[in-house]
């Protein structure tokens, strides 16, 4: 057992009254691995978690690039419709090393809500109703491809710490946008992640913590991406560890990003993905 988990176990009984939390994430393997890491710790410090799973398949630009579309299919549709149902059929409620979303929900007594858009009026009203009913102490967006609307940000501000946190898979403000860690790999740089506050603009909120992850060129983009999100989750847990002792958050979120340093990264083209493969970068490995 690592020190972080040991500390959580020692503190979990000091505040027996549970707190509610909301998580926004994709229904894909990357978010699943991150939640398999997060939920045991959150459960140990008495958080009841409500999870909104995005069922959005891909952005339009991604569907036009065959290899990116295939990556999305294998990490989202194939996992959701083939792999996880087969695991649940054969293992049922048995706890295993990597649990499906449904298995985690049962094991950790979470609530799952599958949504396709945070801007659709009906879905947005559903999210706002959950906020009002459960008054979450804190919210987290991780591996989430849906834009969180201003209405949701506003209602979140009325409860708990009043903020939604996001784990971004690169360095802010320099590298905002999409597929940022893939661009980092293409440039042979260290990999980065940033924990920041969600605001109306994309990747514009105040930075809470930034971190680096060593680039392993023998790893696929998928494996490196999972490592980035796991470390971001660890940093998030270090902050909310204070909650286990009943303390306030040990930081200020009033420091704004210097957006003059910002570059917004887009979806790579078919030619750019091929060029990345020529450099030895693989989106995923079959074996």
Protein backbone atom coordinates (compact mmCIF):
# COMPACT_ATOMS: atom_id res chain seq x y z
CA UNK A 1 0.00 0.00 0.00
CA UNK A 2 1.45 3.40 -0.94
CA UNK A 3 1.71 6.35 1.47
CA UNK A 4 -1.13 8.24 -0.16
CA UNK A 5 -3.55 5.34 0.27
CA UNK A 6 -2.33 4.68 3.81
CA UNK A 7 -2.97 8.31 4.79
CA UNK A 8 -6.45 8.14 3.31
CA UNK A 9 -7.28 5.01 5.30
CA UNK A 10 -6.06 6.57 8.53
CA UNK A 11 -8.19 9.67 8.05
CA UNK A 12 -11.39 8.27 6.61
CA UNK A 13 -13.08 7.74 9.98
CA UNK A 14 -12.39 11.23 11.25
CA UNK A 15 -15.28 12.64 9.28
CA UNK A 16 -17.98 10.01 8.88
CA UNK A 17 -20.54 12.25 7.24
CA UNK A 18 -20.29 11.67 3.52
CA UNK A 19 -19.87 14.42 0.96
CA UNK A 20 -21.25 14.30 -2.56
CA UNK A 21 -19.10 14.74 -5.64
CA UNK A 22 -19.82 14.95 -9.36
CA UNK A 23 -17.47 13.66 -12.07
CA UNK A 24 -17.78 14.34 -15.80
CA UNK A 25 -15.88 11.93 -18.06
CA UNK A 26 -16.00 10.00 -21.32
CA UNK A 27 -17.27 6.45 -21.42
CA UNK A 28 -13.90 5.24 -22.71
CA UNK A 29 -11.01 3.09 -21.50
CA UNK A 30 -8.84 6.08 -20.50
CA UNK A 31 -11.49 7.53 -18.21
CA UNK A 32 -12.25 4.04 -16.94
CA UNK A 33 -8.63 3.43 -15.89
CA UNK A 34 -8.56 6.84 -14.20
CA UNK A 35 -11.78 6.13 -12.27
CA UNK A 36 -10.49 2.71 -11.23
CA UNK A 37 -7.66 4.63 -9.57
CA UNK A 38 -9.76 7.49 -8.14
CA UNK A 39 -12.84 5.79 -6.73
CA UNK A 40 -11.19 3.62 -4.03
CA UNK A 41 -9.61 6.73 -2.48
CA UNK A 42 -12.79 8.78 -2.75
CA UNK A 43 -14.79 5.97 -1.16
CA UNK A 44 -12.29 5.75 1.70
CA UNK A 45 -12.82 9.41 2.60
CA UNK A 46 -16.61 9.13 2.42
CA UNK A 47 -17.40 10.71 -0.93
CA UNK A 48 -20.59 9.63 -2.68
CA UNK A 49 -19.84 10.05 -6.37
CA UNK A 50 -22.27 10.87 -9.17
CA UNK A 51 -20.74 10.23 -12.60
CA UNK A 52 -21.91 11.74 -15.89
CA UNK A 53 -20.58 9.57 -18.71
CA UNK A 54 -20.25 11.22 -22.10
CA UNK A 55 -21.40 8.97 -24.93
CA UNK A 56 -20.24 11.39 -27.59
CA UNK A 57 -18.24 9.26 -30.02
CA UNK A 58 -15.87 11.70 -31.73
CA UNK A 59 -15.47 15.20 -33.04
CA UNK A 60 -16.23 15.78 -36.72
CA UNK A 61 -12.56 16.44 -37.56
CA UNK A 62 -11.55 13.15 -35.92
CA UNK A 63 -14.07 11.11 -37.91
CA UNK A 64 -12.41 12.38 -41.09
CA UNK A 65 -8.99 10.97 -40.11
CA UNK A 66 -9.13 7.18 -40.39
CA UNK A 67 -6.53 6.36 -37.72
CA UNK A 68 -8.01 8.78 -35.18
CA UNK A 69 -11.47 7.42 -35.90
CA UNK A 70 -10.16 3.89 -35.36
CA UNK A 71 -8.53 4.97 -32.08
CA UNK A 72 -11.86 6.39 -30.90
CA UNK A 73 -13.70 3.25 -31.95
CA UNK A 74 -11.32 0.93 -30.07
CA UNK A 75 -11.14 3.06 -26.91
CA UNK A 76 -14.84 3.99 -26.81
CA UNK A 77 -17.35 1.99 -28.88
CA UNK A 78 -15.54 -1.35 -28.78
CA UNK A 79 -14.91 -1.09 -25.04
CA UNK A 80 -18.44 0.10 -24.28
CA UNK A 81 -20.38 -2.25 -26.54
CA UNK A 82 -18.23 -5.40 -26.70
CA UNK A 83 -15.52 -5.67 -24.04
CA UNK A 84 -17.30 -4.37 -20.94
CA UNK A 85 -20.60 -6.22 -21.55
CA UNK A 86 -18.58 -9.44 -22.00
CA UNK A 87 -16.71 -8.82 -18.72
CA UNK A 88 -19.96 -8.18 -16.88
CA UNK A 89 -21.56 -11.28 -18.38
CA UNK A 90 -18.70 -13.54 -17.27
CA UNK A 91 -17.67 -11.93 -13.99
CA UNK A 92 -20.88 -10.32 -12.81
CA UNK A 93 -20.26 -8.40 -9.57
CA UNK A 94 -16.91 -10.03 -8.83
CA UNK A 95 -14.25 -7.44 -8.09
CA UNK A 96 -11.36 -7.52 -10.55
CA UNK A 97 -8.27 -5.41 -11.17
CA UNK A 98 -10.00 -3.28 -13.80
CA UNK A 99 -13.72 -2.90 -13.24
CA UNK A 100 -16.20 -1.70 -15.83
CA UNK A 101 -18.16 1.49 -15.19
CA UNK A 102 -21.21 -0.50 -14.11
CA UNK A 103 -19.13 -2.70 -11.79
CA UNK A 104 -17.52 0.37 -10.19
CA UNK A 105 -20.93 1.95 -9.70
CA UNK A 106 -22.17 -1.12 -7.83
CA UNK A 107 -18.97 -1.66 -5.83
CA UNK A 108 -18.51 1.95 -4.72
CA UNK A 109 -22.23 2.82 -4.64
CA UNK A 110 -21.90 5.48 -7.33
CA UNK A 111 -24.66 6.82 -9.54
CA UNK A 112 -24.12 6.70 -13.31
CA UNK A 113 -25.85 9.01 -15.79
CA UNK A 114 -25.14 8.54 -19.49
CA UNK A 115 -25.43 11.73 -21.54
CA UNK A 116 -24.69 12.85 -25.10
CA UNK A 117 -24.54 16.61 -24.64
CA UNK A 118 -24.23 19.09 -21.77
CA UNK A 119 -25.83 21.75 -23.97
CA UNK A 120 -28.98 19.81 -24.85
CA UNK A 121 -31.74 21.45 -22.80
CA UNK A 122 -33.19 18.20 -21.43
CA UNK A 123 -29.78 16.78 -20.49
CA UNK A 124 -28.68 20.09 -18.99
CA UNK A 125 -31.77 20.27 -16.82
CA UNK A 126 -31.05 16.72 -15.65
CA UNK A 127 -27.52 17.70 -14.62
CA UNK A 128 -28.72 20.85 -12.84
CA UNK A 129 -31.38 18.82 -11.01
CA UNK A 130 -28.70 16.42 -9.73
CA UNK A 131 -26.67 19.38 -8.47
CA UNK A 132 -29.66 20.83 -6.65
CA UNK A 133 -30.69 17.49 -5.15
CA UNK A 134 -27.28 16.36 -3.94
CA UNK A 135 -25.42 19.69 -3.42
CA UNK A 136 -21.97 18.31 -4.30
CA UNK A 137 -18.99 19.53 -2.37
CA UNK A 138 -16.73 19.40 -5.41
CA UNK A 139 -16.83 18.48 -9.11
CA UNK A 140 -14.19 17.05 -11.42
CA UNK A 141 -13.96 16.87 -15.21
CA UNK A 142 -11.45 14.26 -16.38
CA UNK A 143 -11.06 12.91 -19.89
CA UNK A 144 -14.29 14.70 -20.75
CA UNK A 145 -15.02 15.75 -24.34
CA UNK A 146 -18.23 17.64 -23.56
CA UNK A 147 -18.09 21.38 -22.95
CA UNK A 148 -19.52 22.24 -19.53
CA UNK A 149 -22.04 25.03 -20.07
CA UNK A 150 -22.16 28.32 -18.20
CA UNK A 151 -25.45 27.25 -16.62
CA UNK A 152 -23.82 24.17 -15.09
CA UNK A 153 -20.81 26.20 -13.93
CA UNK A 154 -23.21 28.65 -12.26
CA UNK A 155 -25.18 26.01 -10.38
CA UNK A 156 -21.95 24.29 -9.30
CA UNK A 157 -20.81 27.61 -7.78
CA UNK A 158 -23.69 27.46 -5.31
CA UNK A 159 -22.48 24.35 -3.47
CA UNK A 160 -19.38 23.22 -1.58
CA UNK A 161 -16.15 24.81 -2.80
CA UNK A 162 -18.11 26.22 -5.72
CA UNK A 163 -15.73 25.06 -8.42
CA UNK A 164 -15.46 22.42 -11.13
CA UNK A 165 -11.90 21.14 -11.59
CA UNK A 166 -10.52 19.77 -14.86
CA UNK A 167 -7.50 17.61 -15.63
CA UNK A 168 -6.01 18.78 -18.94
CA UNK A 169 -3.53 16.45 -20.62
CA UNK A 170 -0.88 19.04 -21.42
CA UNK A 171 0.70 22.26 -20.17
CA UNK A 172 -1.46 25.35 -19.77
CA UNK A 173 -1.65 28.05 -20.91
CA UNK A 174 0.85 27.09 -23.63
CA UNK A 175 -0.97 24.04 -24.98
CA UNK A 176 -4.76 24.27 -24.91
CA UNK A 177 -7.13 22.37 -27.15
CA UNK A 178 -7.28 18.74 -28.28
CA UNK A 179 -4.82 15.88 -28.83
CA UNK A 180 -2.24 18.03 -27.02
CA UNK A 181 -0.23 15.14 -25.59
CA UNK A 182 0.01 13.60 -29.07
CA UNK A 183 1.48 16.87 -30.33
CA UNK A 184 3.86 16.80 -27.33
CA UNK A 185 5.00 13.32 -28.32
CA UNK A 186 5.50 14.42 -31.94
CA UNK A 187 7.78 17.21 -30.76
CA UNK A 188 9.71 14.82 -28.50
CA UNK A 189 8.98 16.90 -25.41
CA UNK A 190 8.22 15.89 -21.86
CA UNK A 191 4.54 15.19 -21.32
CA UNK A 192 2.54 17.51 -19.13
CA UNK A 193 -0.76 17.79 -17.35
CA UNK A 194 -2.59 20.64 -15.65
CA UNK A 195 -5.24 20.71 -12.94
CA UNK A 196 -7.30 23.87 -13.40
CA UNK A 197 -10.67 25.45 -12.72
CA UNK A 198 -13.39 25.15 -15.38
CA UNK A 199 -14.59 28.46 -16.79
CA UNK A 200 -16.75 29.29 -19.79
CA UNK A 201 -13.78 29.35 -22.18
CA UNK A 202 -12.04 26.10 -23.13
CA UNK A 203 -8.97 25.40 -20.95
CA UNK A 204 -8.91 29.01 -19.69
CA UNK A 205 -9.50 28.67 -15.93
CA UNK A 206 -7.09 29.36 -13.08
CA UNK A 207 -4.31 26.79 -12.71
CA UNK A 208 -4.25 24.82 -9.46
CA UNK A 209 -1.33 22.52 -10.21
CA UNK A 210 0.89 21.61 -13.17
CA UNK A 211 3.06 18.53 -13.52
CA UNK A 212 5.28 16.67 -15.95
CA UNK A 213 5.44 13.01 -16.96
CA UNK A 214 8.56 11.52 -18.51
CA UNK A 215 8.05 10.72 -22.17
CA UNK A 216 8.60 7.03 -22.81
CA UNK A 217 9.04 6.65 -26.56
CA UNK A 218 8.42 2.91 -26.29
CA UNK A 219 4.90 3.56 -25.04
CA UNK A 220 1.95 4.21 -27.29
CA UNK A 221 0.00 7.46 -27.16
CA UNK A 222 -2.75 5.56 -25.32
CA UNK A 223 -0.45 4.36 -22.54
CA UNK A 224 1.24 7.74 -22.13
CA UNK A 225 -2.17 9.43 -21.98
CA UNK A 226 -3.32 7.07 -19.21
CA UNK A 227 -0.19 7.95 -17.20
CA UNK A 228 -0.89 11.69 -17.60
CA UNK A 229 -4.44 11.35 -16.29
CA UNK A 230 -3.40 9.09 -13.44
CA UNK A 231 -0.83 11.60 -12.21
CA UNK A 232 -3.41 14.39 -12.53
CA UNK A 233 -5.79 12.31 -10.44
CA UNK A 234 -3.06 11.86 -7.82
CA UNK A 235 -2.57 15.62 -7.59
CA UNK A 236 -6.32 16.15 -7.27
CA UNK A 237 -6.43 13.60 -4.45
CA UNK A 238 -3.57 15.32 -2.66
CA UNK A 239 -5.63 18.50 -2.54
CA UNK A 240 -8.86 16.92 -1.35
CA UNK A 241 -6.92 14.87 1.19
CA UNK A 242 -7.34 18.02 3.31
CA UNK A 243 -11.09 17.31 3.34
CA UNK A 244 -10.49 14.08 5.25
CA UNK A 245 -9.33 16.25 8.15
CA UNK A 246 -12.08 18.83 7.77
CA UNK A 247 -9.71 21.54 6.56
CA UNK A 248 -10.27 24.12 3.84
CA UNK A 249 -8.54 23.95 0.49
CA UNK A 250 -4.84 24.88 0.78
CA UNK A 251 -4.68 27.10 -2.29
CA UNK A 252 -6.18 30.10 -4.02
CA UNK A 253 -7.79 30.00 -7.47
CA UNK A 254 -7.69 33.74 -8.10
CA UNK A 255 -4.48 33.63 -10.19
CA UNK A 256 -5.53 33.79 -13.84
CA UNK A 257 -3.76 32.19 -16.78
CA UNK A 258 -1.59 34.40 -18.96
CA UNK A 259 -3.54 33.82 -22.15
CA UNK A 260 -0.96 35.74 -24.21
CA UNK A 261 1.12 32.53 -23.97
CA UNK A 262 -1.74 30.36 -25.18
CA UNK A 263 -1.67 28.20 -28.30
CA UNK A 264 -4.79 26.24 -29.20
CA UNK A 265 -4.04 22.81 -30.68
CA UNK A 266 -6.41 21.23 -33.16
CA UNK A 267 -7.07 17.71 -34.37
CA UNK A 268 -4.12 16.49 -36.51
CA UNK A 269 -4.78 15.82 -40.17
CA UNK A 270 -4.40 12.51 -41.97
CA UNK A 271 -0.98 13.58 -43.27
CA UNK A 272 0.17 14.75 -39.81
CA UNK A 273 -0.82 11.47 -38.18
CA UNK A 274 1.19 9.60 -40.83
CA UNK A 275 4.17 11.86 -40.18
CA UNK A 276 3.90 11.09 -36.46
CA UNK A 277 3.92 7.37 -37.23
CA UNK A 278 7.06 7.90 -39.34
CA UNK A 279 8.64 9.27 -36.13
CA UNK A 280 7.77 5.99 -34.39
CA UNK A 281 4.67 7.23 -32.57
CA UNK A 282 1.86 4.68 -32.35
CA UNK A 283 -1.62 5.61 -31.20
CA UNK A 284 -1.98 2.16 -29.65
CA UNK A 285 -0.50 -1.32 -29.80
CA UNK A 286 -2.61 -4.39 -30.52
CA UNK A 287 -0.52 -6.73 -28.36
